[in-house]
Every structure is written in C-alpha cells, then in structure tokens.
Amino acid sequence: MLVYIAEAHASDKWPINSTVYAGPGNSVTTHRTVSERIATCQRMLSALQLDGCSVEVYVDSMGDEFLNTFACWPTRLFGIGCDGRTVERIASPHDAGFELGPMLTWLHTAAHE
C-alpha cells in the first residue's frame, strides 16, 4: 500500500529541491484540492515506474489525517503490508537524508507479487 501525502518540497512552501536552491526544478506547488494531489501522485507513480502495478495507492485527505497521525512529513516512509495493517518497512531520516533504495526495492517487490 502506498499513501501519497502533502508534497514535501512544494516550490511555494519549502523549495529546498527547486531551482531556487540549484535543485532539479520541482514544479509542484502546495496542493489546494484533492484533484491536484491525485494528479501529482499519478506523476510520481509514473516517474517511479509504478503506474500499472498491483500496489494499492491512496491519497491523503486535504485535512492530512494520515500525515498527522504517522508524523511522516517531510521525509518518513512507511511500507504497509498487503493486509493493510502490518508495517513492513520504515525509512526515517538519518543525517538529513535517507536511503531510498531499500524502500524502492521493497515497494517494487510488493507491487509485483
């Protein structure tokens, strides 16, 4: 299961990953509607080559209930098992970053089971 939450590095809120700071040019702004959040999620799935996979994808509400419950903004990732209840992976920040590779490996494996 994948839950897409508020954009961590929205260019109009926290542009750390934008051209303002010599980053790759994140053009995503703070989501104002669920439709905007869904569209950004779909672009992310495509970029991670997960569109069309069997992983369940949810989008957090505009009230950010998932984000606030699990304190996952800006850089915390949880891998929830197929049962929808078991936390199988947690990637937390370390030294101002985290290794995305193990989480992506888990996600790709889970998506193709």
C-alpha atoms as a PDB file:
ATOM      1  CA  MET A   1       0.000   0.000   0.000  1.00  0.00           C
ATOM      2  CA  LEU A   2       1.219   3.484  -0.842  1.00  0.00           C
ATOM      3  CA  VAL A   3      -0.261   6.665   0.607  1.00  0.00           C
ATOM      4  CA  TYR A   4       0.584   9.907  -1.141  1.00  0.00           C
ATOM      5  CA  ILE A   5       0.598  12.842   1.306  1.00  0.00           C
ATOM      6  CA  ALA A   6       1.285  16.568   1.051  1.00  0.00           C
ATOM      7  CA  GLU A   7       4.176  17.451  -1.242  1.00  0.00           C
ATOM      8  CA  ALA A   8       7.335  17.523   0.878  1.00  0.00           C
ATOM      9  CA  HIS A   9       9.165  20.102  -1.197  1.00  0.00           C
ATOM     10  CA  ALA A  10       6.406  22.225  -2.678  1.00  0.00           C
ATOM     11  CA  SER A  11       8.045  25.013  -4.653  1.00  0.00           C
ATOM     12  CA  ASP A  12       5.846  27.639  -2.974  1.00  0.00           C
ATOM     13  CA  LYS A  13       6.326  26.341   0.590  1.00  0.00           C
ATOM     14  CA  TRP A  14       9.664  24.611   1.133  1.00  0.00           C
ATOM     15  CA  PRO A  15      11.661  24.943  -2.118  1.00  0.00           C
ATOM     16  CA  ILE A  16      14.753  23.059  -0.937  1.00  0.00           C
ATOM     17  CA  ASN A  17      14.551  20.827  -4.021  1.00  0.00           C
ATOM     18  CA  SER A  18      13.903  23.622  -6.503  1.00  0.00           C
ATOM     19  CA  THR A  19      15.887  25.771  -8.875  1.00  0.00           C
ATOM     20  CA  VAL A  20      15.874  28.438  -6.137  1.00  0.00           C
ATOM     21  CA  TYR A  21      18.477  26.253  -4.383  1.00  0.00           C
ATOM     22  CA  ALA A  22      20.126  24.790  -7.514  1.00  0.00           C
ATOM     23  CA  GLY A  23      17.940  21.684  -7.354  1.00  0.00           C
ATOM     24  CA  PRO A  24      16.338  19.777 -10.223  1.00  0.00           C
ATOM     25  CA  GLY A  25      13.450  22.210 -10.505  1.00  0.00           C
ATOM     26  CA  ASN A  26      10.467  20.816  -8.616  1.00  0.00           C
ATOM     27  CA  SER A  27       7.424  22.495 -10.125  1.00  0.00           C
ATOM     28  CA  VAL A  28       4.888  21.031  -7.696  1.00  0.00           C
ATOM     29  CA  THR A  29       3.143  23.638  -5.588  1.00  0.00           C
ATOM     30  CA  THR A  30       1.158  23.104  -2.396  1.00  0.00           C
ATOM     31  CA  HIS A  31      -1.928  21.059  -3.203  1.00  0.00           C
ATOM     32  CA  ARG A  32      -5.103  23.063  -2.820  1.00  0.00           C
ATOM     33  CA  THR A  33      -7.543  20.340  -3.880  1.00  0.00           C
ATOM     34  CA  VAL A  34      -7.715  16.561  -3.766  1.00  0.00           C
ATOM     35  CA  SER A  35      -7.662  16.605  -7.584  1.00  0.00           C
ATOM     36  CA  GLU A  36      -4.276  18.370  -7.554  1.00  0.00           C
ATOM     37  CA  ARG A  37      -2.946  15.860  -5.015  1.00  0.00           C
ATOM     38  CA  ILE A  38      -4.176  12.932  -7.128  1.00  0.00           C
ATOM     39  CA  ALA A  39      -2.588  14.383 -10.290  1.00  0.00           C
ATOM     40  CA  THR A  40       0.770  14.787  -8.522  1.00  0.00           C
ATOM     41  CA  CYS A  41       0.502  11.251  -7.159  1.00  0.00           C
ATOM     42  CA  GLN A  42      -0.105   9.923 -10.674  1.00  0.00           C
ATOM     43  CA  ARG A  43       3.010  11.754 -11.953  1.00  0.00           C
ATOM     44  CA  MET A  44       5.035  10.271  -9.075  1.00  0.00           C
ATOM     45  CA  LEU A  45       3.799   6.741  -9.837  1.00  0.00           C
ATOM     46  CA  SER A  46       4.806   7.197 -13.448  1.00  0.00           C
ATOM     47  CA  ALA A  47       8.244   8.558 -12.513  1.00  0.00           C
ATOM     48  CA  LEU A  48       8.843   5.595 -10.160  1.00  0.00           C
ATOM     49  CA  GLN A  49       7.515   3.229 -12.853  1.00  0.00           C
ATOM     50  CA  LEU A  50       4.776   2.022 -10.524  1.00  0.00           C
ATOM     51  CA  ASP A  51       1.790   3.006 -12.644  1.00  0.00           C
ATOM     52  CA  GLY A  52       0.060  -0.170 -13.712  1.00  0.00           C
ATOM     53  CA  CYS A  53       1.479  -2.210 -10.810  1.00  0.00           C
ATOM     54  CA  SER A  54      -0.754  -4.064  -8.391  1.00  0.00           C
ATOM     55  CA  VAL A  55       0.178  -1.948  -5.359  1.00  0.00           C
ATOM     56  CA  GLU A  56      -2.780  -0.207  -3.719  1.00  0.00           C
ATOM     57  CA  VAL A  57      -2.396   3.582  -3.801  1.00  0.00           C
ATOM     58  CA  TYR A  58      -4.258   6.019  -1.594  1.00  0.00           C
ATOM     59  CA  VAL A  59      -4.139   9.792  -1.417  1.00  0.00           C
ATOM     60  CA  ASP A  60      -4.304  11.529   1.953  1.00  0.00           C
ATOM     61  CA  SER A  61      -7.200  13.907   2.543  1.00  0.00           C
ATOM     62  CA  MET A  62      -6.728  17.639   2.411  1.00  0.00           C
ATOM     63  CA  GLY A  63      -7.004  17.548   6.223  1.00  0.00           C
ATOM     64  CA  ASP A  64      -3.766  15.487   6.176  1.00  0.00           C
ATOM     65  CA  GLU A  65      -5.074  12.855   8.611  1.00  0.00           C
ATOM     66  CA  PHE A  66      -2.533  10.177   7.561  1.00  0.00           C
ATOM     67  CA  LEU A  67       0.337  12.656   7.552  1.00  0.00           C
ATOM     68  CA  ASN A  68      -0.503  13.928  11.028  1.00  0.00           C
ATOM     69  CA  THR A  69      -1.225  10.501  12.538  1.00  0.00           C
ATOM     70  CA  PHE A  70       2.073   8.988  11.409  1.00  0.00           C
ATOM     71  CA  ALA A  71       4.248  12.157  11.503  1.00  0.00           C
ATOM     72  CA  CYS A  72       5.543  11.338   8.046  1.00  0.00           C
ATOM     73  CA  TRP A  73       6.233  14.797   6.599  1.00  0.00           C
ATOM     74  CA  PRO A  74       8.662  15.595   5.045  1.00  0.00           C
ATOM     75  CA  THR A  75      10.860  12.515   4.881  1.00  0.00           C
ATOM     76  CA  ARG A  76       9.451   9.447   6.521  1.00  0.00           C
ATOM     77  CA  LEU A  77       8.314   6.450   4.541  1.00  0.00           C
ATOM     78  CA  PHE A  78       6.254   3.512   5.765  1.00  0.00           C
ATOM     79  CA  GLY A  79       5.750   0.269   3.888  1.00  0.00           C
ATOM     80  CA  ILE A  80       2.370  -1.214   4.784  1.00  0.00           C
ATOM     81  CA  GLY A  81       1.834  -4.904   4.071  1.00  0.00           C
ATOM     82  CA  CYS A  82      -0.817  -6.335   1.786  1.00  0.00           C
ATOM     83  CA  ASP A  83      -3.063  -6.925   4.801  1.00  0.00           C
ATOM     84  CA  GLY A  84      -3.373  -3.152   5.188  1.00  0.00           C
ATOM     85  CA  ARG A  85      -2.338  -3.356   8.841  1.00  0.00           C
ATOM     86  CA  THR A  86       1.244  -4.551   9.138  1.00  0.00           C
ATOM     87  CA  VAL A  87       4.077  -2.024   8.932  1.00  0.00           C
ATOM     88  CA  GLU A  88       6.756  -3.900   6.998  1.00  0.00           C
ATOM     89  CA  ARG A  89       9.251  -1.095   6.325  1.00  0.00           C
ATOM     90  CA  ILE A  90      10.019   2.266   7.901  1.00  0.00           C
ATOM     91  CA  ALA A  91      12.526   4.652   6.353  1.00  0.00           C
ATOM     92  CA  SER A  92      13.345   7.500   8.702  1.00  0.00           C
ATOM     93  CA  PRO A  93      15.743  10.382   8.126  1.00  0.00           C
ATOM     94  CA  HIS A  94      19.370   9.962   9.098  1.00  0.00           C
ATOM     95  CA  ASP A  95      21.999  12.693   8.691  1.00  0.00           C
ATOM     96  CA  ALA A  96      19.492  14.951   6.881  1.00  0.00           C
ATOM     97  CA  GLY A  97      18.555  12.266   4.358  1.00  0.00           C
ATOM     98  CA  PHE A  98      17.669   8.605   3.956  1.00  0.00           C
ATOM     99  CA  GLU A  99      18.405   5.737   1.632  1.00  0.00           C
ATOM    100  CA  LEU A 100      15.551   5.451  -0.825  1.00  0.00           C
ATOM    101  CA  GLY A 101      16.941   2.285  -2.449  1.00  0.00           C
ATOM    102  CA  PRO A 102      15.766  -0.265   0.168  1.00  0.00           C
ATOM    103  CA  MET A 103      12.267   1.236   0.224  1.00  0.00           C
ATOM    104  CA  LEU A 104      12.031   1.244  -3.579  1.00  0.00           C
ATOM    105  CA  THR A 105      13.213  -2.367  -3.685  1.00  0.00           C
ATOM    106  CA  TRP A 106      10.547  -3.342  -1.133  1.00  0.00           C
ATOM    107  CA  LEU A 107       7.875  -1.349  -2.993  1.00  0.00           C
ATOM    108  CA  HIS A 108       8.719  -2.852  -6.398  1.00  0.00           C
ATOM    109  CA  THR A 109       8.747  -6.356  -4.885  1.00  0.00           C
ATOM    110  CA  ALA A 110       5.401  -5.790  -3.150  1.00  0.00           C
ATOM    111  CA  ALA A 111       3.916  -4.243  -6.300  1.00  0.00           C
ATOM    112  CA  HIS A 112       4.753  -7.260  -8.427  1.00  0.00           C
ATOM    113  CA  GLU A 113       3.641 -10.007  -6.021  1.00  0.00           C
END
